[in-house]
Every structure is written in structure tokens, then in C-alpha cells.
């Protein structure tokens, strides 16, 4: 599952209008090098979120919600080739930049959706 997140945390994290993320099973993630640092915060959902970032450059590599520890959220821009990542939904559009045009062909959610339908 991949999506563009328009929450204010992602806007601040990326310095942009949104962040593009890919959700994957936690047990499928292998960090090939480095030892990321962790920062915890309370997300817009009210859940504790851990962000793992590079200690050298500060780039957020991935995050996970403590409410769903079996899922990792990979920052698409950190992939060697992010061109294959399709945006399947726009989430947290309630805090989206008003000038950003939402596509009617893609699901749009004003807050966090139930991602179950994307995994069927």
C-alpha cells in the first residue's frame, strides 16, 4: 500500500505539501547498513509513532505506529528507485495545502483510513 500523506507532520518532515510512503510488513524490512536513530512523537491519530532516521544526514527512513507494530512505513524517496511506487490514496487531506489538486481517480481520505481494503 502506498499513499501521499498530507498530515502536518509529513509536511514538516518533508518540507513539502505531502510525503509519499509505502507500507510493508515489518518482518520484510532489512536495513543493509547503518544504525538509525529513533524519535517518538504523538501522531495526528493520537497514537505514538516512532520515526527512524539517519544519524548522519537526518533523513527519515521509516516509521511505525505503536498501534500497528507489524507494519513499517517506508519513506518512498529513500528507495533506490521510487519510480515504481504508485500513489493509491491521498490521506489526511483535511490538512492538505488548498492549492494542491486532488485527483478524482485516487481515493481521498480527510484523516487516516482503514487500510484493510487495500490488502484484500
C-alpha atoms as a PDB file:
ATOM      1  CA  UNK A   1       0.000   0.000   0.000  1.00  0.00           C
ATOM      2  CA  UNK A   2       1.400   3.364  -0.981  1.00  0.00           C
ATOM      3  CA  UNK A   3      -0.043   6.808  -0.480  1.00  0.00           C
ATOM      4  CA  UNK A   4       0.568  10.519  -0.236  1.00  0.00           C
ATOM      5  CA  UNK A   5       0.119  11.721   3.336  1.00  0.00           C
ATOM      6  CA  UNK A   6      -0.935  15.342   3.794  1.00  0.00           C
ATOM      7  CA  UNK A   7      -0.757  15.425   7.613  1.00  0.00           C
ATOM      8  CA  UNK A   8       1.090  18.358   9.112  1.00  0.00           C
ATOM      9  CA  UNK A   9       3.794  16.027  10.477  1.00  0.00           C
ATOM     10  CA  UNK A  10       4.619  14.813   6.939  1.00  0.00           C
ATOM     11  CA  UNK A  11       4.520  18.377   5.621  1.00  0.00           C
ATOM     12  CA  UNK A  12       7.084  19.414   8.219  1.00  0.00           C
ATOM     13  CA  UNK A  13       9.164  16.231   7.827  1.00  0.00           C
ATOM     14  CA  UNK A  14       9.474  16.647   4.053  1.00  0.00           C
ATOM     15  CA  UNK A  15       9.380  20.432   3.774  1.00  0.00           C
ATOM     16  CA  UNK A  16       6.726  19.901   1.122  1.00  0.00           C
ATOM     17  CA  UNK A  17       2.954  19.580   0.676  1.00  0.00           C
ATOM     18  CA  UNK A  18       2.953  15.851   1.493  1.00  0.00           C
ATOM     19  CA  UNK A  19       5.101  12.756   1.970  1.00  0.00           C
ATOM     20  CA  UNK A  20       4.882   9.616  -0.175  1.00  0.00           C
ATOM     21  CA  UNK A  21       5.022   6.408   1.840  1.00  0.00           C
ATOM     22  CA  UNK A  22       4.910   2.663   1.278  1.00  0.00           C
ATOM     23  CA  UNK A  23       3.505   0.348   3.945  1.00  0.00           C
ATOM     24  CA  UNK A  24       5.173  -3.062   4.177  1.00  0.00           C
ATOM     25  CA  UNK A  25       5.180  -5.937   6.682  1.00  0.00           C
ATOM     26  CA  UNK A  26       7.720  -5.213   9.434  1.00  0.00           C
ATOM     27  CA  UNK A  27       9.376  -8.604   9.040  1.00  0.00           C
ATOM     28  CA  UNK A  28      10.163  -7.856   5.371  1.00  0.00           C
ATOM     29  CA  UNK A  29      12.348  -4.821   6.153  1.00  0.00           C
ATOM     30  CA  UNK A  30      16.111  -5.281   6.129  1.00  0.00           C
ATOM     31  CA  UNK A  31      18.404  -2.319   6.738  1.00  0.00           C
ATOM     32  CA  UNK A  32      21.547  -3.020   4.739  1.00  0.00           C
ATOM     33  CA  UNK A  33      23.763  -0.529   6.517  1.00  0.00           C
ATOM     34  CA  UNK A  34      23.790   1.995   9.294  1.00  0.00           C
ATOM     35  CA  UNK A  35      22.168   2.190  12.678  1.00  0.00           C
ATOM     36  CA  UNK A  36      19.202   4.573  12.577  1.00  0.00           C
ATOM     37  CA  UNK A  37      18.230   6.777  15.476  1.00  0.00           C
ATOM     38  CA  UNK A  38      14.664   6.805  16.769  1.00  0.00           C
ATOM     39  CA  UNK A  39      12.381   9.678  17.681  1.00  0.00           C
ATOM     40  CA  UNK A  40       8.925   9.177  19.189  1.00  0.00           C
ATOM     41  CA  UNK A  41       6.007  11.577  18.883  1.00  0.00           C
ATOM     42  CA  UNK A  42       2.245  11.556  19.133  1.00  0.00           C
ATOM     43  CA  UNK A  43       0.784  11.411  15.629  1.00  0.00           C
ATOM     44  CA  UNK A  44      -2.357  13.156  14.393  1.00  0.00           C
ATOM     45  CA  UNK A  45      -4.226   9.903  15.076  1.00  0.00           C
ATOM     46  CA  UNK A  46      -3.321  10.174  18.766  1.00  0.00           C
ATOM     47  CA  UNK A  47      -1.075   7.093  18.563  1.00  0.00           C
ATOM     48  CA  UNK A  48       2.628   7.074  19.429  1.00  0.00           C
ATOM     49  CA  UNK A  49       4.721   6.992  16.248  1.00  0.00           C
ATOM     50  CA  UNK A  50       8.417   6.094  16.079  1.00  0.00           C
ATOM     51  CA  UNK A  51      10.436   7.611  13.250  1.00  0.00           C
ATOM     52  CA  UNK A  52      13.776   6.045  12.357  1.00  0.00           C
ATOM     53  CA  UNK A  53      16.248   8.419  10.782  1.00  0.00           C
ATOM     54  CA  UNK A  54      19.823   8.503   9.544  1.00  0.00           C
ATOM     55  CA  UNK A  55      22.115   9.862  12.300  1.00  0.00           C
ATOM     56  CA  UNK A  56      24.437  11.377   9.679  1.00  0.00           C
ATOM     57  CA  UNK A  57      22.042  13.318   7.427  1.00  0.00           C
ATOM     58  CA  UNK A  58      18.786  13.314   9.416  1.00  0.00           C
ATOM     59  CA  UNK A  59      16.697  11.761   6.645  1.00  0.00           C
ATOM     60  CA  UNK A  60      13.642   9.872   7.892  1.00  0.00           C
ATOM     61  CA  UNK A  61      13.958   6.327   6.560  1.00  0.00           C
ATOM     62  CA  UNK A  62      10.844   4.739   8.028  1.00  0.00           C
ATOM     63  CA  UNK A  63       8.311   4.968  10.790  1.00  0.00           C
ATOM     64  CA  UNK A  64       5.744   2.853  12.567  1.00  0.00           C
ATOM     65  CA  UNK A  65       2.753   3.337  14.794  1.00  0.00           C
ATOM     66  CA  UNK A  66       2.872   1.682  18.183  1.00  0.00           C
ATOM     67  CA  UNK A  67      -0.758   0.737  17.482  1.00  0.00           C
ATOM     68  CA  UNK A  68       0.386  -1.350  14.458  1.00  0.00           C
ATOM     69  CA  UNK A  69       3.895  -2.624  15.122  1.00  0.00           C
ATOM     70  CA  UNK A  70       3.592  -5.258  12.366  1.00  0.00           C
ATOM     71  CA  UNK A  71       3.730  -2.547   9.658  1.00  0.00           C
ATOM     72  CA  UNK A  72       6.627  -0.311   8.652  1.00  0.00           C
ATOM     73  CA  UNK A  73       6.063   2.871   6.698  1.00  0.00           C
ATOM     74  CA  UNK A  74       8.951   3.451   4.310  1.00  0.00           C
ATOM     75  CA  UNK A  75       9.616   6.972   3.018  1.00  0.00           C
ATOM     76  CA  UNK A  76       9.408   6.401  -0.751  1.00  0.00           C
ATOM     77  CA  UNK A  77      12.102   8.978  -1.506  1.00  0.00           C
ATOM     78  CA  UNK A  78      14.665   6.850   0.340  1.00  0.00           C
ATOM     79  CA  UNK A  79      14.247   3.919  -2.060  1.00  0.00           C
ATOM     80  CA  UNK A  80      16.966   3.425  -4.675  1.00  0.00           C
ATOM     81  CA  UNK A  81      14.239   3.559  -7.365  1.00  0.00           C
ATOM     82  CA  UNK A  82      10.980   5.108  -6.158  1.00  0.00           C
ATOM     83  CA  UNK A  83       9.573   5.379  -9.707  1.00  0.00           C
ATOM     84  CA  UNK A  84       7.631   2.110  -9.311  1.00  0.00           C
ATOM     85  CA  UNK A  85       5.646   3.411  -6.312  1.00  0.00           C
ATOM     86  CA  UNK A  86       2.029   4.137  -7.336  1.00  0.00           C
ATOM     87  CA  UNK A  87       0.038   6.565  -5.224  1.00  0.00           C
ATOM     88  CA  UNK A  88      -3.069   4.572  -4.322  1.00  0.00           C
ATOM     89  CA  UNK A  89      -4.616   7.156  -1.988  1.00  0.00           C
ATOM     90  CA  UNK A  90      -4.264  10.604  -0.505  1.00  0.00           C
ATOM     91  CA  UNK A  91      -4.656  10.582   3.284  1.00  0.00           C
ATOM     92  CA  UNK A  92      -5.108  13.316   5.859  1.00  0.00           C
ATOM     93  CA  UNK A  93      -6.459  15.572   3.103  1.00  0.00           C
ATOM     94  CA  UNK A  94      -8.209  17.621   5.784  1.00  0.00           C
ATOM     95  CA  UNK A  95      -4.844  19.298   6.361  1.00  0.00           C
ATOM     96  CA  UNK A  96      -3.747  19.337   2.702  1.00  0.00           C
ATOM     97  CA  UNK A  97      -2.499  22.500   1.064  1.00  0.00           C
ATOM     98  CA  UNK A  98      -5.559  24.122  -0.520  1.00  0.00           C
ATOM     99  CA  UNK A  99      -3.655  24.738  -3.756  1.00  0.00           C
ATOM    100  CA  UNK A 100      -2.840  21.044  -4.261  1.00  0.00           C
ATOM    101  CA  UNK A 101      -5.194  19.457  -6.848  1.00  0.00           C
ATOM    102  CA  UNK A 102      -6.578  16.119  -5.605  1.00  0.00           C
ATOM    103  CA  UNK A 103      -7.120  13.546  -8.347  1.00  0.00           C
ATOM    104  CA  UNK A 104     -10.698  12.217  -8.532  1.00  0.00           C
ATOM    105  CA  UNK A 105      -9.316   8.850  -9.754  1.00  0.00           C
ATOM    106  CA  UNK A 106      -7.497   8.229  -6.464  1.00  0.00           C
ATOM    107  CA  UNK A 107      -9.100   7.614  -3.066  1.00  0.00           C
ATOM    108  CA  UNK A 108      -9.003  10.680  -0.830  1.00  0.00           C
ATOM    109  CA  UNK A 109      -9.424  10.498   2.948  1.00  0.00           C
ATOM    110  CA  UNK A 110      -9.727  13.524   5.254  1.00  0.00           C
ATOM    111  CA  UNK A 111      -7.957  11.569   8.037  1.00  0.00           C
ATOM    112  CA  UNK A 112      -6.370   8.121   8.443  1.00  0.00           C
ATOM    113  CA  UNK A 113      -8.369   5.471   6.557  1.00  0.00           C
ATOM    114  CA  UNK A 114      -8.886   1.821   7.330  1.00  0.00           C
ATOM    115  CA  UNK A 115      -6.242   0.322   5.049  1.00  0.00           C
ATOM    116  CA  UNK A 116      -7.810  -3.179   5.154  1.00  0.00           C
ATOM    117  CA  UNK A 117      -9.410  -2.884   1.693  1.00  0.00           C
ATOM    118  CA  UNK A 118      -6.005  -2.265   0.120  1.00  0.00           C
ATOM    119  CA  UNK A 119      -4.686  -5.552   1.476  1.00  0.00           C
ATOM    120  CA  UNK A 120      -7.539  -7.763   0.211  1.00  0.00           C
END
